[in-house]
Amino acid sequence: MVKLFIGNLPREATEQEIRSLFEQYGKVLECDIIKNYGFVHIEDKTAAEDAIRNLHHYKLHGVNINVEASKNKSKASTKLHVGNISPTCTNQELRAKFEEYGPVIECDIVKDYAFVHMERAEDAVEAIRGLDNTEFQGELLWGLGGKTEWGLGVDKNRGPWGWQGGVFRST
């Protein structure tokens, strides 16, 4: 899987339109638009290279878009696993909810769960405290009833204290 960055998107651009444009070159696994830029996750490297070669400076709604391989995050982040996401929730809506607690580097919804990468571990902890078992868009985030315990996963190579948090729940 290769993540592509699409910059200079016109306001009129839709997720479906971008998806269709990139599907000419390979299987699109995910497509997200955030204001005037977006990301496309394409299945393989060859398809990604073809898309970059053919779509960089492509004119969309009168605007030349930029397409390039997404650069890795330069900052360490704390990755949260968020369960029980409403099927109508968008990346932008979930991102906005978590940004109430601090800067969000990335937000990816996968079916009924999501991964939210927060810049600071302390903000991630506050988000957990503030959002654990709360209703968001008609769904109870993380809670399916019963006792919920939270923990931080450990990756010794990342993060402000030598680890990257990954939040999980056990019932």
N, C-alpha and C. Protein backbone atom coordinates (compact mmCIF):
# COMPACT_ATOMS: atom_id res chain seq x y z
N MET A 1 0.84 -1.17 0.00
CA MET A 1 0.00 0.00 0.00
C MET A 1 0.89 1.24 0.00
N VAL A 2 0.53 2.20 -0.84
CA VAL A 2 1.27 3.45 -0.94
C VAL A 2 0.29 4.60 -0.70
N LYS A 3 0.70 5.51 0.17
CA LYS A 3 -0.14 6.67 0.48
C LYS A 3 0.33 7.84 -0.36
N LEU A 4 -0.61 8.42 -1.13
CA LEU A 4 -0.30 9.57 -1.97
C LEU A 4 -0.92 10.83 -1.40
N PHE A 5 -0.20 11.92 -1.52
CA PHE A 5 -0.69 13.24 -1.11
C PHE A 5 -1.19 13.95 -2.37
N ILE A 6 -2.39 14.55 -2.29
CA ILE A 6 -2.93 15.34 -3.39
C ILE A 6 -3.11 16.75 -2.89
N GLY A 7 -2.36 17.67 -3.45
CA GLY A 7 -2.43 19.06 -3.02
C GLY A 7 -3.11 19.94 -4.05
N ASN A 8 -3.51 21.13 -3.62
CA ASN A 8 -4.14 22.13 -4.47
C ASN A 8 -5.47 21.65 -5.05
N LEU A 9 -6.24 20.91 -4.25
CA LEU A 9 -7.54 20.43 -4.72
C LEU A 9 -8.53 21.58 -4.78
N PRO A 10 -9.31 21.67 -5.86
CA PRO A 10 -10.34 22.70 -5.92
C PRO A 10 -11.49 22.37 -4.97
N ARG A 11 -12.21 23.38 -4.53
CA ARG A 11 -13.34 23.18 -3.60
C ARG A 11 -14.38 22.20 -4.14
N GLU A 12 -14.56 22.20 -5.45
CA GLU A 12 -15.60 21.37 -6.07
C GLU A 12 -15.26 19.88 -6.07
N ALA A 13 -14.01 19.54 -5.84
CA ALA A 13 -13.58 18.14 -5.91
C ALA A 13 -14.29 17.31 -4.84
N THR A 14 -14.79 16.14 -5.25
CA THR A 14 -15.45 15.23 -4.31
C THR A 14 -14.58 13.99 -4.11
N GLU A 15 -14.85 13.31 -3.02
CA GLU A 15 -14.12 12.07 -2.72
C GLU A 15 -14.32 11.06 -3.84
N GLN A 16 -15.56 10.91 -4.33
CA GLN A 16 -15.84 9.94 -5.39
C GLN A 16 -15.11 10.31 -6.68
N GLU A 17 -15.06 11.59 -6.99
CA GLU A 17 -14.36 12.05 -8.19
C GLU A 17 -12.86 11.74 -8.11
N ILE A 18 -12.26 11.99 -6.96
CA ILE A 18 -10.83 11.71 -6.78
C ILE A 18 -10.58 10.21 -6.83
N ARG A 19 -11.44 9.45 -6.17
CA ARG A 19 -11.32 7.99 -6.19
C ARG A 19 -11.36 7.47 -7.63
N SER A 20 -12.34 7.92 -8.41
CA SER A 20 -12.47 7.48 -9.81
C SER A 20 -11.24 7.85 -10.64
N LEU A 21 -10.71 9.03 -10.41
CA LEU A 21 -9.53 9.50 -11.13
C LEU A 21 -8.34 8.57 -10.87
N PHE A 22 -8.14 8.20 -9.61
CA PHE A 22 -6.99 7.37 -9.24
C PHE A 22 -7.21 5.89 -9.56
N GLU A 23 -8.46 5.44 -9.61
CA GLU A 23 -8.74 4.03 -9.90
C GLU A 23 -8.36 3.65 -11.33
N GLN A 24 -8.12 4.64 -12.18
CA GLN A 24 -7.63 4.35 -13.53
C GLN A 24 -6.25 3.69 -13.50
N TYR A 25 -5.54 3.86 -12.39
CA TYR A 25 -4.16 3.39 -12.29
C TYR A 25 -3.98 2.22 -11.35
N GLY A 26 -4.98 1.91 -10.54
CA GLY A 26 -4.88 0.78 -9.62
C GLY A 26 -5.98 0.83 -8.58
N LYS A 27 -6.01 -0.19 -7.74
CA LYS A 27 -7.05 -0.30 -6.72
C LYS A 27 -6.83 0.74 -5.62
N VAL A 28 -7.85 1.57 -5.39
CA VAL A 28 -7.81 2.58 -4.34
C VAL A 28 -8.40 1.97 -3.08
N LEU A 29 -7.61 1.94 -2.01
CA LEU A 29 -8.05 1.36 -0.75
C LEU A 29 -8.76 2.38 0.12
N GLU A 30 -8.35 3.64 0.01
CA GLU A 30 -8.93 4.70 0.84
C GLU A 30 -8.71 6.03 0.15
N CYS A 31 -9.66 6.95 0.33
CA CYS A 31 -9.57 8.28 -0.25
C CYS A 31 -10.17 9.27 0.75
N ASP A 32 -9.39 10.28 1.14
CA ASP A 32 -9.85 11.28 2.09
C ASP A 32 -9.53 12.67 1.57
N ILE A 33 -10.50 13.58 1.65
CA ILE A 33 -10.28 14.98 1.28
C ILE A 33 -10.39 15.82 2.54
N ILE A 34 -9.40 16.68 2.74
CA ILE A 34 -9.38 17.60 3.88
C ILE A 34 -9.15 18.99 3.30
N LYS A 35 -10.23 19.77 3.18
CA LYS A 35 -10.18 21.11 2.59
C LYS A 35 -9.55 21.06 1.20
N ASN A 36 -8.39 21.72 1.01
CA ASN A 36 -7.81 21.80 -0.34
C ASN A 36 -6.70 20.77 -0.59
N TYR A 37 -6.67 19.71 0.20
CA TYR A 37 -5.72 18.64 -0.03
C TYR A 37 -6.36 17.32 0.38
N GLY A 38 -5.71 16.22 0.04
CA GLY A 38 -6.26 14.92 0.40
C GLY A 38 -5.20 13.84 0.31
N PHE A 39 -5.65 12.62 0.61
CA PHE A 39 -4.77 11.46 0.57
C PHE A 39 -5.49 10.32 -0.12
N VAL A 40 -4.76 9.58 -0.93
CA VAL A 40 -5.27 8.38 -1.57
C VAL A 40 -4.32 7.25 -1.20
N HIS A 41 -4.88 6.15 -0.70
CA HIS A 41 -4.10 4.95 -0.41
C HIS A 41 -4.33 4.02 -1.60
N ILE A 42 -3.28 3.75 -2.36
CA ILE A 42 -3.40 2.92 -3.55
C ILE A 42 -2.66 1.61 -3.30
N GLU A 43 -3.16 0.53 -3.90
CA GLU A 43 -2.74 -0.81 -3.52
C GLU A 43 -1.25 -1.12 -3.71
N ASP A 44 -0.66 -0.73 -4.84
CA ASP A 44 0.74 -1.12 -5.02
C ASP A 44 1.60 0.02 -5.57
N LYS A 45 2.90 -0.19 -5.48
CA LYS A 45 3.88 0.84 -5.84
C LYS A 45 3.81 1.22 -7.32
N THR A 46 3.66 0.25 -8.21
CA THR A 46 3.61 0.54 -9.64
C THR A 46 2.40 1.41 -9.97
N ALA A 47 1.26 1.08 -9.39
CA ALA A 47 0.05 1.88 -9.61
C ALA A 47 0.24 3.29 -9.09
N ALA A 48 0.88 3.42 -7.94
CA ALA A 48 1.13 4.74 -7.35
C ALA A 48 2.05 5.56 -8.24
N GLU A 49 3.10 4.94 -8.76
CA GLU A 49 4.03 5.64 -9.65
C GLU A 49 3.33 6.10 -10.92
N ASP A 50 2.45 5.23 -11.48
CA ASP A 50 1.68 5.60 -12.68
C ASP A 50 0.76 6.78 -12.39
N ALA A 51 0.10 6.75 -11.24
CA ALA A 51 -0.81 7.83 -10.86
C ALA A 51 -0.04 9.14 -10.71
N ILE A 52 1.11 9.10 -10.06
CA ILE A 52 1.92 10.32 -9.89
C ILE A 52 2.35 10.85 -11.25
N ARG A 53 2.85 9.97 -12.10
CA ARG A 53 3.34 10.38 -13.42
C ARG A 53 2.22 11.02 -14.27
N ASN A 54 1.02 10.47 -14.19
CA ASN A 54 -0.07 10.94 -15.04
C ASN A 54 -0.94 12.02 -14.43
N LEU A 55 -0.98 12.12 -13.11
CA LEU A 55 -1.91 13.06 -12.48
C LEU A 55 -1.25 14.28 -11.84
N HIS A 56 0.07 14.26 -11.68
CA HIS A 56 0.75 15.45 -11.14
C HIS A 56 0.58 16.58 -12.15
N HIS A 57 0.04 17.69 -11.72
CA HIS A 57 -0.30 18.86 -12.55
C HIS A 57 -1.51 18.60 -13.46
N TYR A 58 -2.28 17.56 -13.17
CA TYR A 58 -3.52 17.30 -13.89
C TYR A 58 -4.49 18.45 -13.59
N LYS A 59 -5.21 18.90 -14.62
CA LYS A 59 -6.15 20.02 -14.44
C LYS A 59 -7.51 19.46 -14.02
N LEU A 60 -7.94 19.83 -12.82
CA LEU A 60 -9.22 19.38 -12.26
C LEU A 60 -10.03 20.63 -11.91
N HIS A 61 -11.17 20.78 -12.54
CA HIS A 61 -12.02 21.97 -12.34
C HIS A 61 -11.20 23.25 -12.56
N GLY A 62 -10.34 23.23 -13.57
CA GLY A 62 -9.56 24.42 -13.91
C GLY A 62 -8.33 24.67 -13.05
N VAL A 63 -8.03 23.74 -12.14
CA VAL A 63 -6.89 23.92 -11.22
C VAL A 63 -5.91 22.76 -11.41
N ASN A 64 -4.62 23.06 -11.48
CA ASN A 64 -3.61 22.01 -11.57
C ASN A 64 -3.36 21.43 -10.18
N ILE A 65 -3.64 20.13 -10.03
CA ILE A 65 -3.43 19.47 -8.74
C ILE A 65 -2.00 18.95 -8.65
N ASN A 66 -1.53 18.76 -7.43
CA ASN A 66 -0.21 18.19 -7.18
C ASN A 66 -0.40 16.78 -6.62
N VAL A 67 0.33 15.83 -7.17
CA VAL A 67 0.26 14.45 -6.68
C VAL A 67 1.68 13.97 -6.42
N GLU A 68 1.91 13.48 -5.21
CA GLU A 68 3.23 12.97 -4.84
C GLU A 68 3.08 11.93 -3.74
N ALA A 69 4.12 11.15 -3.56
CA ALA A 69 4.12 10.18 -2.46
C ALA A 69 4.06 10.95 -1.15
N SER A 70 3.22 10.48 -0.24
CA SER A 70 3.09 11.14 1.06
C SER A 70 4.37 10.95 1.84
N LYS A 71 4.81 12.00 2.46
CA LYS A 71 6.03 11.92 3.27
C LYS A 71 5.68 11.37 4.65
N ASN A 72 6.59 10.61 5.21
CA ASN A 72 6.37 10.07 6.56
C ASN A 72 6.23 11.21 7.55
N LYS A 73 5.48 10.96 8.58
CA LYS A 73 5.33 11.95 9.64
C LYS A 73 6.70 12.23 10.25
N SER A 74 7.03 13.49 10.37
CA SER A 74 8.33 13.83 10.94
C SER A 74 8.30 13.80 12.46
N LYS A 75 7.13 13.92 13.02
CA LYS A 75 7.02 13.94 14.48
C LYS A 75 6.51 12.59 14.97
N ALA A 76 6.93 12.24 16.16
CA ALA A 76 6.35 11.07 16.80
C ALA A 76 4.92 11.42 17.19
N SER A 77 4.08 10.43 17.27
CA SER A 77 2.69 10.70 17.64
C SER A 77 2.17 9.56 18.50
N THR A 78 1.03 9.81 19.09
CA THR A 78 0.36 8.79 19.88
C THR A 78 -0.85 8.33 19.08
N LYS A 79 -0.91 7.05 18.80
CA LYS A 79 -1.95 6.48 17.94
C LYS A 79 -3.05 5.90 18.82
N LEU A 80 -4.26 6.39 18.62
CA LEU A 80 -5.41 5.89 19.37
C LEU A 80 -6.27 5.01 18.48
N HIS A 81 -6.73 3.91 19.00
CA HIS A 81 -7.73 3.08 18.32
C HIS A 81 -9.07 3.47 18.90
N VAL A 82 -9.98 3.89 18.03
CA VAL A 82 -11.30 4.35 18.47
C VAL A 82 -12.34 3.40 17.91
N GLY A 83 -13.08 2.75 18.78
CA GLY A 83 -14.08 1.79 18.35
C GLY A 83 -15.48 2.36 18.29
N ASN A 84 -16.35 1.67 17.54
CA ASN A 84 -17.78 1.96 17.48
C ASN A 84 -18.08 3.30 16.81
N ILE A 85 -17.46 3.56 15.68
CA ILE A 85 -17.67 4.79 14.92
C ILE A 85 -18.95 4.67 14.11
N SER A 86 -19.74 5.73 14.11
CA SER A 86 -20.98 5.78 13.33
C SER A 86 -20.67 5.58 11.85
N PRO A 87 -21.50 4.84 11.12
CA PRO A 87 -21.24 4.62 9.69
C PRO A 87 -21.32 5.90 8.86
N THR A 88 -21.95 6.95 9.40
CA THR A 88 -22.05 8.21 8.66
C THR A 88 -20.96 9.21 9.02
N CYS A 89 -20.13 8.88 9.99
CA CYS A 89 -19.08 9.79 10.46
C CYS A 89 -17.99 9.94 9.40
N THR A 90 -17.52 11.16 9.19
CA THR A 90 -16.43 11.41 8.24
C THR A 90 -15.12 11.62 9.01
N ASN A 91 -14.01 11.49 8.28
CA ASN A 91 -12.70 11.75 8.89
C ASN A 91 -12.64 13.16 9.46
N GLN A 92 -13.21 14.13 8.73
CA GLN A 92 -13.15 15.52 9.18
C GLN A 92 -13.92 15.71 10.48
N GLU A 93 -15.07 15.07 10.62
CA GLU A 93 -15.88 15.20 11.84
C GLU A 93 -15.17 14.58 13.04
N LEU A 94 -14.60 13.39 12.83
CA LEU A 94 -13.90 12.73 13.93
C LEU A 94 -12.64 13.51 14.31
N ARG A 95 -11.93 13.98 13.31
CA ARG A 95 -10.73 14.80 13.55
C ARG A 95 -11.09 16.02 14.39
N ALA A 96 -12.17 16.71 14.02
CA ALA A 96 -12.59 17.91 14.76
C ALA A 96 -12.90 17.59 16.21
N LYS A 97 -13.53 16.43 16.45
CA LYS A 97 -13.86 16.03 17.82
C LYS A 97 -12.58 15.85 18.65
N PHE A 98 -11.58 15.19 18.08
CA PHE A 98 -10.33 14.96 18.81
C PHE A 98 -9.48 16.22 18.91
N GLU A 99 -9.61 17.13 17.95
CA GLU A 99 -8.85 18.38 18.02
C GLU A 99 -9.31 19.27 19.17
N GLU A 100 -10.46 18.95 19.78
CA GLU A 100 -10.88 19.65 20.99
C GLU A 100 -9.88 19.40 22.13
N TYR A 101 -9.09 18.33 22.01
CA TYR A 101 -8.14 17.93 23.05
C TYR A 101 -6.69 18.23 22.67
N GLY A 102 -6.42 18.52 21.40
CA GLY A 102 -5.06 18.82 20.98
C GLY A 102 -4.87 18.55 19.50
N PRO A 103 -3.68 18.87 18.98
CA PRO A 103 -3.40 18.70 17.55
C PRO A 103 -3.48 17.24 17.10
N VAL A 104 -4.17 17.02 15.98
CA VAL A 104 -4.30 15.69 15.38
C VAL A 104 -3.43 15.67 14.13
N ILE A 105 -2.55 14.70 14.04
CA ILE A 105 -1.66 14.57 12.89
C ILE A 105 -2.35 13.83 11.75
N GLU A 106 -3.10 12.79 12.09
CA GLU A 106 -3.77 11.98 11.08
C GLU A 106 -5.00 11.35 11.69
N CYS A 107 -6.02 11.15 10.86
CA CYS A 107 -7.26 10.50 11.30
C CYS A 107 -7.75 9.62 10.17
N ASP A 108 -7.86 8.32 10.41
CA ASP A 108 -8.27 7.37 9.39
C ASP A 108 -9.40 6.49 9.91
N ILE A 109 -10.57 6.56 9.26
CA ILE A 109 -11.69 5.70 9.63
C ILE A 109 -11.64 4.44 8.77
N VAL A 110 -11.75 3.28 9.42
CA VAL A 110 -11.77 2.00 8.75
C VAL A 110 -13.03 1.28 9.21
N LYS A 111 -14.06 1.27 8.38
CA LYS A 111 -15.36 0.68 8.73
C LYS A 111 -15.91 1.30 10.01
N ASP A 112 -16.06 0.52 11.08
CA ASP A 112 -16.68 1.05 12.31
C ASP A 112 -15.64 1.37 13.40
N TYR A 113 -14.39 1.51 13.02
CA TYR A 113 -13.37 1.93 13.97
C TYR A 113 -12.42 2.89 13.26
N ALA A 114 -11.57 3.55 14.03
CA ALA A 114 -10.66 4.53 13.44
C ALA A 114 -9.33 4.54 14.18
N PHE A 115 -8.34 5.12 13.53
CA PHE A 115 -7.07 5.40 14.16
C PHE A 115 -6.87 6.90 14.13
N VAL A 116 -6.64 7.47 15.29
CA VAL A 116 -6.40 8.91 15.40
C VAL A 116 -4.99 9.08 15.96
N HIS A 117 -4.14 9.79 15.22
CA HIS A 117 -2.76 10.04 15.63
C HIS A 117 -2.71 11.44 16.22
N MET A 118 -2.48 11.52 17.52
CA MET A 118 -2.39 12.82 18.19
C MET A 118 -0.93 13.18 18.39
N GLU A 119 -0.65 14.47 18.26
CA GLU A 119 0.73 14.95 18.34
C GLU A 119 1.36 14.71 19.71
N ARG A 120 0.59 14.91 20.76
CA ARG A 120 1.14 14.80 22.12
C ARG A 120 0.42 13.71 22.91
N ALA A 121 1.20 12.90 23.60
CA ALA A 121 0.64 11.81 24.40
C ALA A 121 -0.30 12.33 25.48
N GLU A 122 0.05 13.46 26.10
CA GLU A 122 -0.81 13.99 27.17
C GLU A 122 -2.18 14.41 26.63
N ASP A 123 -2.23 14.89 25.38
CA ASP A 123 -3.52 15.24 24.77
C ASP A 123 -4.33 13.98 24.48
N ALA A 124 -3.64 12.91 24.08
CA ALA A 124 -4.31 11.64 23.82
C ALA A 124 -4.95 11.11 25.10
N VAL A 125 -4.24 11.21 26.21
CA VAL A 125 -4.77 10.76 27.50
C VAL A 125 -6.01 11.58 27.87
N GLU A 126 -5.95 12.89 27.65
CA GLU A 126 -7.11 13.75 27.94
C GLU A 126 -8.29 13.40 27.03
N ALA A 127 -8.01 13.09 25.77
CA ALA A 127 -9.07 12.69 24.84
C ALA A 127 -9.73 11.40 25.32
N ILE A 128 -8.93 10.46 25.80
CA ILE A 128 -9.49 9.21 26.33
C ILE A 128 -10.39 9.51 27.52
N ARG A 129 -9.89 10.33 28.44
CA ARG A 129 -10.69 10.68 29.63
C ARG A 129 -11.98 11.39 29.24
N GLY A 130 -11.89 12.28 28.26
CA GLY A 130 -13.05 13.06 27.88
C GLY A 130 -14.05 12.34 27.00
N LEU A 131 -13.59 11.37 26.21
CA LEU A 131 -14.47 10.74 25.23
C LEU A 131 -14.84 9.29 25.54
N ASP A 132 -14.18 8.67 26.50
CA ASP A 132 -14.47 7.28 26.85
C ASP A 132 -15.94 7.12 27.20
N ASN A 133 -16.60 6.21 26.49
CA ASN A 133 -18.02 5.89 26.73
C ASN A 133 -18.94 7.10 26.60
N THR A 134 -18.60 8.02 25.68
CA THR A 134 -19.50 9.14 25.40
C THR A 134 -20.14 8.94 24.04
N GLU A 135 -21.30 9.54 23.87
CA GLU A 135 -22.02 9.41 22.61
C GLU A 135 -21.46 10.40 21.59
N PHE A 136 -21.24 9.91 20.39
CA PHE A 136 -20.82 10.76 19.28
C PHE A 136 -21.53 10.27 18.03
N GLN A 137 -22.37 11.12 17.48
CA GLN A 137 -23.16 10.81 16.29
C GLN A 137 -24.00 9.54 16.49
N GLY A 138 -24.60 9.43 17.66
CA GLY A 138 -25.51 8.33 17.93
C GLY A 138 -24.86 7.02 18.34
N GLU A 139 -23.56 6.98 18.45
CA GLU A 139 -22.85 5.76 18.86
C GLU A 139 -22.05 6.05 20.12
N LEU A 140 -21.90 5.02 20.96
CA LEU A 140 -21.14 5.15 22.19
C LEU A 140 -19.68 4.80 21.88
N LEU A 141 -18.82 5.81 21.83
CA LEU A 141 -17.42 5.57 21.49
C LEU A 141 -16.77 4.63 22.49
N TRP A 142 -16.08 3.64 21.99
CA TRP A 142 -15.31 2.67 22.77
C TRP A 142 -16.14 1.78 23.67
N GLY A 143 -17.34 2.16 24.00
CA GLY A 143 -18.09 1.38 24.98
C GLY A 143 -19.16 0.54 24.34
N LEU A 144 -19.17 -0.72 24.66
CA LEU A 144 -20.23 -1.60 24.22
C LEU A 144 -20.97 -2.14 25.43
N GLY A 145 -20.83 -1.45 26.54
CA GLY A 145 -21.43 -1.91 27.79
C GLY A 145 -20.41 -2.70 28.59
N GLY A 146 -20.65 -2.82 29.86
CA GLY A 146 -19.72 -3.57 30.71
C GLY A 146 -18.51 -2.73 31.06
N LYS A 147 -17.56 -3.38 31.70
CA LYS A 147 -16.35 -2.69 32.17
C LYS A 147 -15.38 -2.50 31.01
N THR A 148 -14.84 -1.32 30.89
CA THR A 148 -13.84 -1.03 29.86
C THR A 148 -12.55 -0.61 30.53
N GLU A 149 -11.46 -1.24 30.14
CA GLU A 149 -10.15 -0.88 30.67
C GLU A 149 -9.30 -0.36 29.52
N TRP A 150 -8.51 0.66 29.80
CA TRP A 150 -7.69 1.27 28.77
C TRP A 150 -6.23 1.02 29.06
N GLY A 151 -5.46 0.92 28.01
CA GLY A 151 -4.02 0.80 28.17
C GLY A 151 -3.31 1.39 26.98
N LEU A 152 -2.04 1.67 27.15
CA LEU A 152 -1.24 2.19 26.05
C LEU A 152 -0.32 1.09 25.56
N GLY A 153 -0.36 0.83 24.23
CA GLY A 153 0.55 -0.12 23.64
C GLY A 153 1.95 0.49 23.61
N VAL A 154 2.97 -0.34 23.53
CA VAL A 154 4.33 0.17 23.63
C VAL A 154 5.13 -0.16 22.38
N ASP A 155 5.77 0.85 21.82
CA ASP A 155 6.76 0.71 20.75
C ASP A 155 7.96 1.50 21.23
N LYS A 156 9.02 0.83 21.62
CA LYS A 156 10.16 1.49 22.27
C LYS A 156 10.91 2.45 21.36
N ASN A 157 10.61 2.45 20.07
CA ASN A 157 11.36 3.29 19.14
C ASN A 157 10.74 4.66 18.89
N ARG A 158 9.58 4.97 19.50
CA ARG A 158 8.91 6.21 19.15
C ARG A 158 8.32 6.90 20.35
N GLY A 159 7.94 8.13 20.12
CA GLY A 159 7.17 8.88 21.09
C GLY A 159 8.00 9.70 22.04
N PRO A 160 7.34 10.61 22.74
CA PRO A 160 8.04 11.55 23.60
C PRO A 160 8.75 10.90 24.78
N TRP A 161 8.29 9.75 25.22
CA TRP A 161 8.93 9.07 26.35
C TRP A 161 9.58 7.76 25.91
N GLY A 162 9.91 7.65 24.61
CA GLY A 162 10.53 6.44 24.10
C GLY A 162 9.53 5.39 23.68
N TRP A 163 8.25 5.76 23.60
CA TRP A 163 7.24 4.81 23.15
C TRP A 163 6.17 5.53 22.37
N GLN A 164 5.45 4.76 21.55
CA GLN A 164 4.30 5.31 20.85
C GLN A 164 3.09 4.62 21.42
N GLY A 165 2.15 5.38 21.89
CA GLY A 165 0.97 4.79 22.49
C GLY A 165 0.02 4.28 21.44
N GLY A 166 -0.62 3.19 21.75
CA GLY A 166 -1.71 2.67 20.96
C GLY A 166 -2.77 2.28 21.96
N VAL A 167 -3.92 2.86 21.87
CA VAL A 167 -4.92 2.63 22.88
C VAL A 167 -5.73 1.40 22.51
N PHE A 168 -5.97 0.55 23.48
CA PHE A 168 -6.79 -0.62 23.24
C PHE A 168 -7.78 -0.74 24.38
N ARG A 169 -8.78 -1.57 24.18
CA ARG A 169 -9.77 -1.76 25.23
C ARG A 169 -9.96 -3.25 25.44
N SER A 170 -10.24 -3.63 26.66
CA SER A 170 -10.60 -5.01 26.95
C SER A 170 -11.86 -4.99 27.79
N THR A 171 -12.76 -5.92 27.51
CA THR A 171 -14.02 -5.96 28.27
C THR A 171 -14.13 -7.28 29.00
